[in-house]
Every structure is written in C-alpha cells, then in structure tokens.
C-alpha cells in the first residue's frame, strides 16, 4: 500500500481506515467519525471518507450519512483519536 494511506492527524495519531476520531463541542455534543477510506482526488489532494455520529446527553444518537472532507479539514474538525 502507498505511503499516503496512513497519515497522521494534527496530534500525530495514525489516520487509517477503521480509526475513530471525535470532536467535543459546547453543550457536551460529541461528533464521532469512523474513517472508511483515504483517497486522492484527480489533482492529488487526499480526502477522508467517514461515517459520522452525533451524541448529546438526554437525546437519542443521531447517525448521519457518510461524509467526505479533505485530509486537512478532517484533522482540524476531529482532533482527538478514540482508542477502542
């Protein structure tokens, strides 16, 4: 596999398929992203495909559709790796 399939997040954690990252927002809203794949677009920019869920205390879990972000935006939005 090519070297670009395994990237590091802003905190230096490996970013590879199956990795789980999260972002805790105000009001204890927790966004969780499970990485599905990392691919390059037609001009070589890496993008992360992921499933996203939202958890908020006292409310049912919201499972959102699959998303895609460029690698730089993904690592900014989801800075914390969740160790299973």
PDB file of N, CA and C in Angstrom:
ATOM      1  N   UNK A   1       0.835  -1.171   0.000  1.00  0.00           N
ATOM      2  CA  UNK A   1       0.000   0.000   0.000  1.00  0.00           C
ATOM      3  C   UNK A   1       0.879   1.233   0.000  1.00  0.00           C
ATOM      4  N   UNK A   2       0.401   2.279  -0.656  1.00  0.00           N
ATOM      5  CA  UNK A   2       1.174   3.503  -0.731  1.00  0.00           C
ATOM      6  C   UNK A   2       1.272   4.175   0.622  1.00  0.00           C
ATOM      7  N   UNK A   3       2.277   5.009   0.739  1.00  0.00           N
ATOM      8  CA  UNK A   3       2.551   5.718   1.973  1.00  0.00           C
ATOM      9  C   UNK A   3       1.434   6.673   2.367  1.00  0.00           C
ATOM     10  N   UNK A   4       0.674   7.208   1.412  1.00  0.00           N
ATOM     11  CA  UNK A   4      -0.330   8.212   1.730  1.00  0.00           C
ATOM     12  C   UNK A   4      -1.597   7.631   2.333  1.00  0.00           C
ATOM     13  N   UNK A   5      -1.735   6.312   2.384  1.00  0.00           N
ATOM     14  CA  UNK A   5      -2.916   5.716   3.007  1.00  0.00           C
ATOM     15  C   UNK A   5      -2.877   5.834   4.522  1.00  0.00           C
ATOM     16  N   UNK A   6      -1.703   5.936   5.096  1.00  0.00           N
ATOM     17  CA  UNK A   6      -1.590   6.095   6.546  1.00  0.00           C
ATOM     18  C   UNK A   6      -1.024   7.480   6.813  1.00  0.00           C
ATOM     19  N   UNK A   7      -1.874   8.357   7.266  1.00  0.00           N
ATOM     20  CA  UNK A   7      -1.481   9.726   7.587  1.00  0.00           C
ATOM     21  C   UNK A   7      -1.534   9.898   9.096  1.00  0.00           C
ATOM     22  N   UNK A   8      -1.062  11.022   9.540  1.00  0.00           N
ATOM     23  CA  UNK A   8      -1.163  11.335  10.963  1.00  0.00           C
ATOM     24  C   UNK A   8      -2.079  12.524  11.130  1.00  0.00           C
ATOM     25  N   UNK A   9      -2.860  12.489  12.193  1.00  0.00           N
ATOM     26  CA  UNK A   9      -3.732  13.611  12.489  1.00  0.00           C
ATOM     27  C   UNK A   9      -2.875  14.744  13.043  1.00  0.00           C
ATOM     28  N   UNK A  10      -3.520  15.856  13.359  1.00  0.00           N
ATOM     29  CA  UNK A  10      -2.802  17.013  13.891  1.00  0.00           C
ATOM     30  C   UNK A  10      -2.053  16.670  15.175  1.00  0.00           C
ATOM     31  N   UNK A  11      -2.564  15.706  15.947  1.00  0.00           N
ATOM     32  CA  UNK A  11      -1.918  15.300  17.200  1.00  0.00           C
ATOM     33  C   UNK A  11      -0.936  14.156  17.005  1.00  0.00           C
ATOM     34  N   UNK A  12      -0.685  13.761  15.763  1.00  0.00           N
ATOM     35  CA  UNK A  12       0.275  12.710  15.488  1.00  0.00           C
ATOM     36  C   UNK A  12      -0.277  11.298  15.538  1.00  0.00           C
ATOM     37  N   UNK A  13      -1.600  11.135  15.670  1.00  0.00           N
ATOM     38  CA  UNK A  13      -2.208   9.810  15.701  1.00  0.00           C
ATOM     39  C   UNK A  13      -2.368   9.281  14.279  1.00  0.00           C
ATOM     40  N   UNK A  14      -2.174   7.982  14.084  1.00  0.00           N
ATOM     41  CA  UNK A  14      -2.348   7.423  12.736  1.00  0.00           C
ATOM     42  C   UNK A  14      -3.782   7.608  12.232  1.00  0.00           C
ATOM     43  N   UNK A  15      -3.900   7.981  10.995  1.00  0.00           N
ATOM     44  CA  UNK A  15      -5.195   8.161  10.357  1.00  0.00           C
ATOM     45  C   UNK A  15      -5.283   7.126   9.253  1.00  0.00           C
ATOM     46  N   UNK A  16      -6.043   6.062   9.517  1.00  0.00           N
ATOM     47  CA  UNK A  16      -6.158   4.964   8.573  1.00  0.00           C
ATOM     48  C   UNK A  16      -7.564   4.386   8.666  1.00  0.00           C
ATOM     49  N   UNK A  17      -8.003   3.619   7.659  1.00  0.00           N
ATOM     50  CA  UNK A  17      -9.338   3.031   7.713  1.00  0.00           C
ATOM     51  C   UNK A  17      -9.566   2.260   9.018  1.00  0.00           C
ATOM     52  N   UNK A  18     -10.730   2.507   9.639  1.00  0.00           N
ATOM     53  CA  UNK A  18     -11.066   1.875  10.908  1.00  0.00           C
ATOM     54  C   UNK A  18     -10.767   2.749  12.115  1.00  0.00           C
ATOM     55  N   UNK A  19      -9.950   3.780  11.953  1.00  0.00           N
ATOM     56  CA  UNK A  19      -9.640   4.695  13.056  1.00  0.00           C
ATOM     57  C   UNK A  19     -10.896   5.487  13.423  1.00  0.00           C
ATOM     58  N   UNK A  20     -11.005   5.824  14.709  1.00  0.00           N
ATOM     59  CA  UNK A  20     -12.148   6.601  15.193  1.00  0.00           C
ATOM     60  C   UNK A  20     -11.620   7.876  15.834  1.00  0.00           C
ATOM     61  N   UNK A  21     -12.212   9.000  15.427  1.00  0.00           N
ATOM     62  CA  UNK A  21     -11.828  10.308  15.955  1.00  0.00           C
ATOM     63  C   UNK A  21     -13.073  11.018  16.441  1.00  0.00           C
ATOM     64  N   UNK A  22     -12.887  11.990  17.349  1.00  0.00           N
ATOM     65  CA  UNK A  22     -14.055  12.722  17.839  1.00  0.00           C
ATOM     66  C   UNK A  22     -13.731  14.181  18.083  1.00  0.00           C
ATOM     67  N   UNK A  23     -14.800  14.949  18.198  1.00  0.00           N
ATOM     68  CA  UNK A  23     -14.723  16.366  18.494  1.00  0.00           C
ATOM     69  C   UNK A  23     -15.814  16.659  19.516  1.00  0.00           C
ATOM     70  N   UNK A  24     -15.429  17.165  20.683  1.00  0.00           N
ATOM     71  CA  UNK A  24     -16.396  17.509  21.723  1.00  0.00           C
ATOM     72  C   UNK A  24     -16.683  19.003  21.601  1.00  0.00           C
ATOM     73  N   UNK A  25     -17.962  19.320  21.378  1.00  0.00           N
ATOM     74  CA  UNK A  25     -18.385  20.707  21.207  1.00  0.00           C
ATOM     75  C   UNK A  25     -19.071  21.211  22.471  1.00  0.00           C
ATOM     76  N   UNK A  26     -19.416  22.469  22.477  1.00  0.00           N
ATOM     77  CA  UNK A  26     -20.107  23.040  23.639  1.00  0.00           C
ATOM     78  C   UNK A  26     -21.425  22.316  23.866  1.00  0.00           C
ATOM     79  N   UNK A  27     -21.836  22.258  25.115  1.00  0.00           N
ATOM     80  CA  UNK A  27     -23.065  21.561  25.476  1.00  0.00           C
ATOM     81  C   UNK A  27     -22.910  20.056  25.482  1.00  0.00           C
ATOM     82  N   UNK A  28     -21.665  19.573  25.513  1.00  0.00           N
ATOM     83  CA  UNK A  28     -21.353  18.135  25.519  1.00  0.00           C
ATOM     84  C   UNK A  28     -21.839  17.405  24.270  1.00  0.00           C
ATOM     85  N   UNK A  29     -21.947  18.113  23.163  1.00  0.00           N
ATOM     86  CA  UNK A  29     -22.258  17.490  21.880  1.00  0.00           C
ATOM     87  C   UNK A  29     -20.979  16.833  21.369  1.00  0.00           C
ATOM     88  N   UNK A  30     -21.046  15.540  21.122  1.00  0.00           N
ATOM     89  CA  UNK A  30     -19.863  14.791  20.688  1.00  0.00           C
ATOM     90  C   UNK A  30     -20.064  14.300  19.256  1.00  0.00           C
ATOM     91  N   UNK A  31     -19.189  14.765  18.356  1.00  0.00           N
ATOM     92  CA  UNK A  31     -19.176  14.282  16.973  1.00  0.00           C
ATOM     93  C   UNK A  31     -18.141  13.167  16.897  1.00  0.00           C
ATOM     94  N   UNK A  32     -18.524  12.033  16.370  1.00  0.00           N
ATOM     95  CA  UNK A  32     -17.598  10.905  16.227  1.00  0.00           C
ATOM     96  C   UNK A  32     -17.521  10.515  14.761  1.00  0.00           C
ATOM     97  N   UNK A  33     -16.297  10.319  14.284  1.00  0.00           N
ATOM     98  CA  UNK A  33     -16.080   9.940  12.887  1.00  0.00           C
ATOM     99  C   UNK A  33     -15.290   8.638  12.826  1.00  0.00           C
ATOM    100  N   UNK A  34     -15.810   7.666  12.054  1.00  0.00           N
ATOM    101  CA  UNK A  34     -15.087   6.410  11.808  1.00  0.00           C
ATOM    102  C   UNK A  34     -14.597   6.449  10.372  1.00  0.00           C
ATOM    103  N   UNK A  35     -13.274   6.419  10.211  1.00  0.00           N
ATOM    104  CA  UNK A  35     -12.647   6.530   8.898  1.00  0.00           C
ATOM    105  C   UNK A  35     -12.938   5.276   8.077  1.00  0.00           C
ATOM    106  N   UNK A  36     -13.456   5.487   6.866  1.00  0.00           N
ATOM    107  CA  UNK A  36     -13.739   4.383   5.951  1.00  0.00           C
ATOM    108  C   UNK A  36     -12.599   4.206   4.953  1.00  0.00           C
ATOM    109  N   UNK A  37     -12.122   5.320   4.414  1.00  0.00           N
ATOM    110  CA  UNK A  37     -11.028   5.241   3.451  1.00  0.00           C
ATOM    111  C   UNK A  37     -10.366   6.596   3.302  1.00  0.00           C
ATOM    112  N   UNK A  38      -9.163   6.584   2.757  1.00  0.00           N
ATOM    113  CA  UNK A  38      -8.434   7.794   2.425  1.00  0.00           C
ATOM    114  C   UNK A  38      -8.034   7.647   0.959  1.00  0.00           C
ATOM    115  N   UNK A  39      -8.488   8.569   0.139  1.00  0.00           N
ATOM    116  CA  UNK A  39      -8.203   8.503  -1.289  1.00  0.00           C
ATOM    117  C   UNK A  39      -7.736   9.868  -1.772  1.00  0.00           C
ATOM    118  N   UNK A  40      -7.116   9.884  -2.948  1.00  0.00           N
ATOM    119  CA  UNK A  40      -6.703  11.143  -3.563  1.00  0.00           C
ATOM    120  C   UNK A  40      -7.663  11.475  -4.697  1.00  0.00           C
ATOM    121  N   UNK A  41      -7.932  12.775  -4.850  1.00  0.00           N
ATOM    122  CA  UNK A  41      -8.789  13.186  -5.959  1.00  0.00           C
ATOM    123  C   UNK A  41      -7.957  13.323  -7.231  1.00  0.00           C
ATOM    124  N   UNK A  42      -8.558  13.842  -8.282  1.00  0.00           N
ATOM    125  CA  UNK A  42      -7.903  13.937  -9.582  1.00  0.00           C
ATOM    126  C   UNK A  42      -6.652  14.793  -9.615  1.00  0.00           C
ATOM    127  N   UNK A  43      -6.517  15.715  -8.671  1.00  0.00           N
ATOM    128  CA  UNK A  43      -5.320  16.556  -8.631  1.00  0.00           C
ATOM    129  C   UNK A  43      -4.367  16.167  -7.503  1.00  0.00           C
ATOM    130  N   UNK A  44      -4.644  15.035  -6.862  1.00  0.00           N
ATOM    131  CA  UNK A  44      -3.732  14.509  -5.847  1.00  0.00           C
ATOM    132  C   UNK A  44      -3.984  14.946  -4.420  1.00  0.00           C
ATOM    133  N   UNK A  45      -5.104  15.615  -4.147  1.00  0.00           N
ATOM    134  CA  UNK A  45      -5.407  16.058  -2.778  1.00  0.00           C
ATOM    135  C   UNK A  45      -6.059  14.905  -2.022  1.00  0.00           C
ATOM    136  N   UNK A  46      -5.492  14.500  -0.866  1.00  0.00           N
ATOM    137  CA  UNK A  46      -6.090  13.393  -0.106  1.00  0.00           C
ATOM    138  C   UNK A  46      -7.399  13.804   0.566  1.00  0.00           C
ATOM    139  N   UNK A  47      -8.371  12.898   0.507  1.00  0.00           N
ATOM    140  CA  UNK A  47      -9.677  13.093   1.124  1.00  0.00           C
ATOM    141  C   UNK A  47      -9.995  11.903   2.027  1.00  0.00           C
ATOM    142  N   UNK A  48     -10.707  12.183   3.110  1.00  0.00           N
ATOM    143  CA  UNK A  48     -11.096  11.157   4.078  1.00  0.00           C
ATOM    144  C   UNK A  48     -12.592  10.915   3.938  1.00  0.00           C
ATOM    145  N   UNK A  49     -12.983   9.662   3.703  1.00  0.00           N
ATOM    146  CA  UNK A  49     -14.387   9.257   3.686  1.00  0.00           C
ATOM    147  C   UNK A  49     -14.691   8.655   5.049  1.00  0.00           C
ATOM    148  N   UNK A  50     -15.785   9.079   5.686  1.00  0.00           N
ATOM    149  CA  UNK A  50     -16.050   8.635   7.051  1.00  0.00           C
ATOM    150  C   UNK A  50     -17.542   8.610   7.341  1.00  0.00           C
ATOM    151  N   UNK A  51     -17.913   7.812   8.352  1.00  0.00           N
ATOM    152  CA  UNK A  51     -19.266   7.813   8.912  1.00  0.00           C
ATOM    153  C   UNK A  51     -19.245   8.711  10.135  1.00  0.00           C
ATOM    154  N   UNK A  52     -20.298   9.510  10.306  1.00  0.00           N
ATOM    155  CA  UNK A  52     -20.339  10.462  11.415  1.00  0.00           C
ATOM    156  C   UNK A  52     -21.569  10.218  12.274  1.00  0.00           C
ATOM    157  N   UNK A  53     -21.374  10.268  13.600  1.00  0.00           N
ATOM    158  CA  UNK A  53     -22.499  10.197  14.541  1.00  0.00           C
ATOM    159  C   UNK A  53     -22.424  11.383  15.497  1.00  0.00           C
ATOM    160  N   UNK A  54     -23.576  11.778  16.005  1.00  0.00           N
ATOM    161  CA  UNK A  54     -23.671  12.863  16.981  1.00  0.00           C
ATOM    162  C   UNK A  54     -24.328  12.330  18.241  1.00  0.00           C
ATOM    163  N   UNK A  55     -23.709  12.602  19.375  1.00  0.00           N
ATOM    164  CA  UNK A  55     -24.263  12.210  20.680  1.00  0.00           C
ATOM    165  C   UNK A  55     -24.397  13.459  21.541  1.00  0.00           C
ATOM    166  N   UNK A  56     -25.564  13.586  22.180  1.00  0.00           N
ATOM    167  CA  UNK A  56     -25.818  14.701  23.082  1.00  0.00           C
ATOM    168  C   UNK A  56     -26.568  14.139  24.288  1.00  0.00           C
ATOM    169  N   UNK A  57     -26.178  14.523  25.501  1.00  0.00           N
ATOM    170  CA  UNK A  57     -26.845  13.995  26.692  1.00  0.00           C
ATOM    171  C   UNK A  57     -28.356  14.230  26.648  1.00  0.00           C
ATOM    172  N   UNK A  58     -29.102  13.174  26.960  1.00  0.00           N
ATOM    173  CA  UNK A  58     -30.548  13.265  27.029  1.00  0.00           C
ATOM    174  C   UNK A  58     -31.264  13.179  25.692  1.00  0.00           C
ATOM    175  N   UNK A  59     -30.514  12.958  24.622  1.00  0.00           N
ATOM    176  CA  UNK A  59     -31.130  12.852  23.298  1.00  0.00           C
ATOM    177  C   UNK A  59     -30.647  11.581  22.621  1.00  0.00           C
ATOM    178  N   UNK A  60     -31.458  11.013  21.725  1.00  0.00           N
ATOM    179  CA  UNK A  60     -31.015   9.804  21.030  1.00  0.00           C
ATOM    180  C   UNK A  60     -29.849  10.103  20.084  1.00  0.00           C
ATOM    181  N   UNK A  61     -29.019   9.088  19.880  1.00  0.00           N
ATOM    182  CA  UNK A  61     -27.868   9.211  18.976  1.00  0.00           C
ATOM    183  C   UNK A  61     -28.351   9.482  17.559  1.00  0.00           C
ATOM    184  N   UNK A  62     -27.710  10.414  16.903  1.00  0.00           N
ATOM    185  CA  UNK A  62     -28.039  10.747  15.522  1.00  0.00           C
ATOM    186  C   UNK A  62     -26.924  10.209  14.627  1.00  0.00           C
ATOM    187  N   UNK A  63     -27.284   9.271  13.763  1.00  0.00           N
ATOM    188  CA  UNK A  63     -26.316   8.706  12.827  1.00  0.00           C
ATOM    189  C   UNK A  63     -26.496   9.424  11.505  1.00  0.00           C
ATOM    190  N   UNK A  64     -25.465  10.140  11.099  1.00  0.00           N
ATOM    191  CA  UNK A  64     -25.534  10.882   9.843  1.00  0.00           C
ATOM    192  C   UNK A  64     -24.983  10.030   8.707  1.00  0.00           C
ATOM    193  N   UNK A  65     -25.240  10.466   7.517  1.00  0.00           N
ATOM    194  CA  UNK A  65     -24.766   9.759   6.336  1.00  0.00           C
ATOM    195  C   UNK A  65     -23.248   9.852   6.213  1.00  0.00           C
ATOM    196  N   UNK A  66     -22.718   9.130   5.267  1.00  0.00           N
ATOM    197  CA  UNK A  66     -21.283   9.183   5.016  1.00  0.00           C
ATOM    198  C   UNK A  66     -20.899  10.573   4.553  1.00  0.00           C
ATOM    199  N   UNK A  67     -19.717  10.963   4.964  1.00  0.00           N
ATOM    200  CA  UNK A  67     -19.195  12.291   4.637  1.00  0.00           C
ATOM    201  C   UNK A  67     -17.832  12.147   3.990  1.00  0.00           C
ATOM    202  N   UNK A  68     -17.385  13.237   3.377  1.00  0.00           N
ATOM    203  CA  UNK A  68     -16.040  13.277   2.825  1.00  0.00           C
ATOM    204  C   UNK A  68     -15.484  14.679   3.051  1.00  0.00           C
ATOM    205  N   UNK A  69     -14.252  14.738   3.535  1.00  0.00           N
ATOM    206  CA  UNK A  69     -13.546  16.002   3.754  1.00  0.00           C
ATOM    207  C   UNK A  69     -12.114  15.844   3.271  1.00  0.00           C
ATOM    208  N   UNK A  70     -11.500  16.953   2.872  1.00  0.00           N
ATOM    209  CA  UNK A  70     -10.075  16.861   2.561  1.00  0.00           C
ATOM    210  C   UNK A  70      -9.345  16.542   3.874  1.00  0.00           C
ATOM    211  N   UNK A  71      -8.198  15.945   3.760  1.00  0.00           N
ATOM    212  CA  UNK A  71      -7.450  15.483   4.927  1.00  0.00           C
ATOM    213  C   UNK A  71      -7.189  16.606   5.924  1.00  0.00           C
ATOM    214  N   UNK A  72      -6.812  17.779   5.435  1.00  0.00           N
ATOM    215  CA  UNK A  72      -6.510  18.906   6.332  1.00  0.00           C
ATOM    216  C   UNK A  72      -7.742  19.323   7.135  1.00  0.00           C
ATOM    217  N   UNK A  73      -8.902  19.408   6.485  1.00  0.00           N
ATOM    218  CA  UNK A  73     -10.135  19.794   7.179  1.00  0.00           C
ATOM    219  C   UNK A  73     -10.559  18.721   8.181  1.00  0.00           C
ATOM    220  N   UNK A  74     -10.394  17.457   7.812  1.00  0.00           N
ATOM    221  CA  UNK A  74     -10.764  16.367   8.713  1.00  0.00           C
ATOM    222  C   UNK A  74      -9.936  16.424   9.997  1.00  0.00           C
ATOM    223  N   UNK A  75      -8.628  16.599   9.871  1.00  0.00           N
ATOM    224  CA  UNK A  75      -7.774  16.604  11.066  1.00  0.00           C
ATOM    225  C   UNK A  75      -8.043  17.815  11.955  1.00  0.00           C
ATOM    226  N   UNK A  76      -8.530  18.908  11.374  1.00  0.00           N
ATOM    227  CA  UNK A  76      -8.904  20.067  12.191  1.00  0.00           C
ATOM    228  C   UNK A  76     -10.230  19.837  12.895  1.00  0.00           C
ATOM    229  N   UNK A  77     -11.183  19.237  12.193  1.00  0.00           N
ATOM    230  CA  UNK A  77     -12.511  19.036  12.769  1.00  0.00           C
ATOM    231  C   UNK A  77     -12.538  17.923  13.810  1.00  0.00           C
ATOM    232  N   UNK A  78     -11.709  16.893  13.629  1.00  0.00           N
ATOM    233  CA  UNK A  78     -11.696  15.742  14.534  1.00  0.00           C
ATOM    234  C   UNK A  78     -10.286  15.558  15.109  1.00  0.00           C
ATOM    235  N   UNK A  79      -9.917  16.356  16.120  1.00  0.00           N
ATOM    236  CA  UNK A  79      -8.553  16.337  16.624  1.00  0.00           C
ATOM    237  C   UNK A  79      -8.211  15.193  17.572  1.00  0.00           C
ATOM    238  N   UNK A  80      -9.205  14.543  18.148  1.00  0.00           N
ATOM    239  CA  UNK A  80      -8.952  13.549  19.204  1.00  0.00           C
ATOM    240  C   UNK A  80      -9.219  12.128  18.713  1.00  0.00           C
ATOM    241  N   UNK A  81      -8.198  11.273  18.807  1.00  0.00           N
ATOM    242  CA  UNK A  81      -8.390   9.875  18.430  1.00  0.00           C
ATOM    243  C   UNK A  81      -9.015   9.109  19.588  1.00  0.00           C
ATOM    244  N   UNK A  82      -9.961   8.237  19.286  1.00  0.00           N
ATOM    245  CA  UNK A  82     -10.610   7.401  20.285  1.00  0.00           C
ATOM    246  C   UNK A  82      -9.971   6.023  20.201  1.00  0.00           C
ATOM    247  N   UNK A  83      -9.414   5.556  21.312  1.00  0.00           N
ATOM    248  CA  UNK A  83      -8.802   4.235  21.347  1.00  0.00           C
ATOM    249  C   UNK A  83      -9.861   3.240  21.779  1.00  0.00           C
ATOM    250  N   UNK A  84     -10.063   2.229  20.940  1.00  0.00           N
ATOM    251  CA  UNK A  84     -11.111   1.232  21.212  1.00  0.00           C
ATOM    252  C   UNK A  84     -10.730   0.279  22.318  1.00  0.00           C
TER     253      UNK A  84
END
